[in-house]
C-alpha atoms as a PDB file:
ATOM      1  CA  UNK A   1       2.221 -10.806 -29.696  1.00  0.00           C
ATOM      2  CA  UNK A   2       1.054 -12.340 -32.948  1.00  0.00           C
ATOM      3  CA  UNK A   3       4.356 -14.217 -33.259  1.00  0.00           C
ATOM      4  CA  UNK A   4       4.086 -15.720 -29.780  1.00  0.00           C
ATOM      5  CA  UNK A   5       0.505 -16.860 -30.412  1.00  0.00           C
ATOM      6  CA  UNK A   6       1.467 -18.452 -33.730  1.00  0.00           C
ATOM      7  CA  UNK A   7       4.647 -19.974 -32.294  1.00  0.00           C
ATOM      8  CA  UNK A   8       2.816 -21.529 -29.340  1.00  0.00           C
ATOM      9  CA  UNK A   9       0.194 -23.016 -31.646  1.00  0.00           C
ATOM     10  CA  UNK A  10       2.936 -24.502 -33.843  1.00  0.00           C
ATOM     11  CA  UNK A  11       4.795 -25.703 -30.758  1.00  0.00           C
ATOM     12  CA  UNK A  12       1.734 -27.570 -29.474  1.00  0.00           C
ATOM     13  CA  UNK A  13       1.282 -29.234 -32.864  1.00  0.00           C
ATOM     14  CA  UNK A  14       4.957 -30.283 -33.044  1.00  0.00           C
ATOM     15  CA  UNK A  15       5.326 -31.611 -29.507  1.00  0.00           C
ATOM     16  CA  UNK A  16       4.811 -35.234 -30.605  1.00  0.00           C
ATOM     17  CA  UNK A  17       7.285 -34.982 -33.488  1.00  0.00           C
ATOM     18  CA  UNK A  18      10.883 -34.233 -32.396  1.00  0.00           C
ATOM     19  CA  UNK A  19      12.079 -33.560 -35.944  1.00  0.00           C
ATOM     20  CA  UNK A  20       9.322 -31.017 -36.519  1.00  0.00           C
ATOM     21  CA  UNK A  21      10.005 -29.546 -33.093  1.00  0.00           C
ATOM     22  CA  UNK A  22      13.685 -28.995 -33.914  1.00  0.00           C
ATOM     23  CA  UNK A  23      12.881 -27.420 -37.281  1.00  0.00           C
ATOM     24  CA  UNK A  24      10.325 -25.157 -35.623  1.00  0.00           C
ATOM     25  CA  UNK A  25      12.987 -23.701 -33.324  1.00  0.00           C
ATOM     26  CA  UNK A  26      15.434 -23.415 -36.207  1.00  0.00           C
ATOM     27  CA  UNK A  27      12.822 -21.640 -38.363  1.00  0.00           C
ATOM     28  CA  UNK A  28      12.095 -19.050 -35.664  1.00  0.00           C
ATOM     29  CA  UNK A  29      15.610 -18.782 -34.242  1.00  0.00           C
ATOM     30  CA  UNK A  30      16.012 -15.098 -35.137  1.00  0.00           C
ATOM     31  CA  UNK A  31      12.702 -14.017 -33.597  1.00  0.00           C
ATOM     32  CA  UNK A  32      13.369 -16.079 -30.491  1.00  0.00           C
ATOM     33  CA  UNK A  33      16.787 -14.436 -30.124  1.00  0.00           C
ATOM     34  CA  UNK A  34      15.119 -11.019 -30.212  1.00  0.00           C
ATOM     35  CA  UNK A  35      12.813 -12.192 -27.412  1.00  0.00           C
ATOM     36  CA  UNK A  36      15.847 -13.294 -25.339  1.00  0.00           C
ATOM     37  CA  UNK A  37      17.372  -9.827 -25.727  1.00  0.00           C
ATOM     38  CA  UNK A  38      14.048  -8.248 -24.760  1.00  0.00           C
ATOM     39  CA  UNK A  39      13.881 -10.363 -21.594  1.00  0.00           C
ATOM     40  CA  UNK A  40      17.473  -9.586 -20.638  1.00  0.00           C
ATOM     41  CA  UNK A  41      16.835  -5.835 -20.921  1.00  0.00           C
ATOM     42  CA  UNK A  42      13.335  -5.683 -19.480  1.00  0.00           C
ATOM     43  CA  UNK A  43      14.478  -4.775 -15.958  1.00  0.00           C
ATOM     44  CA  UNK A  44      16.504  -1.847 -17.353  1.00  0.00           C
ATOM     45  CA  UNK A  45      13.557  -0.447 -19.279  1.00  0.00           C
ATOM     46  CA  UNK A  46      11.269  -0.855 -16.257  1.00  0.00           C
ATOM     47  CA  UNK A  47      13.775   1.040 -14.119  1.00  0.00           C
ATOM     48  CA  UNK A  48      14.049   3.875 -16.642  1.00  0.00           C
ATOM     49  CA  UNK A  49      10.291   4.172 -17.060  1.00  0.00           C
ATOM     50  CA  UNK A  50       9.638   4.051 -13.326  1.00  0.00           C
ATOM     51  CA  UNK A  51      12.089   6.906 -12.752  1.00  0.00           C
ATOM     52  CA  UNK A  52      10.735   9.057 -15.569  1.00  0.00           C
ATOM     53  CA  UNK A  53       7.023   8.526 -15.113  1.00  0.00           C
ATOM     54  CA  UNK A  54       5.887   8.825 -11.535  1.00  0.00           C
ATOM     55  CA  UNK A  55       2.137   8.612 -11.044  1.00  0.00           C
ATOM     56  CA  UNK A  56       0.657  11.873  -9.858  1.00  0.00           C
ATOM     57  CA  UNK A  57      -2.821  13.290  -9.856  1.00  0.00           C
ATOM     58  CA  UNK A  58      -1.839  15.314 -12.974  1.00  0.00           C
ATOM     59  CA  UNK A  59      -1.313  12.106 -14.955  1.00  0.00           C
ATOM     60  CA  UNK A  60      -4.929  11.142 -14.424  1.00  0.00           C
ATOM     61  CA  UNK A  61      -6.528  14.459 -15.348  1.00  0.00           C
END
């Protein structure tokens, strides 16, 4: 979450400068790619978790 906060702050600062904006994406390309993979697989992980952990009264005791 720290990365996203820092990236968004940098993104807001670079919005008026296209050259800085391009270098910002290039600088964080690897971390952004990891986020893309996370988003693509999120539905799979939600499915797995929802089938393993089913809320019951025992879970809240």
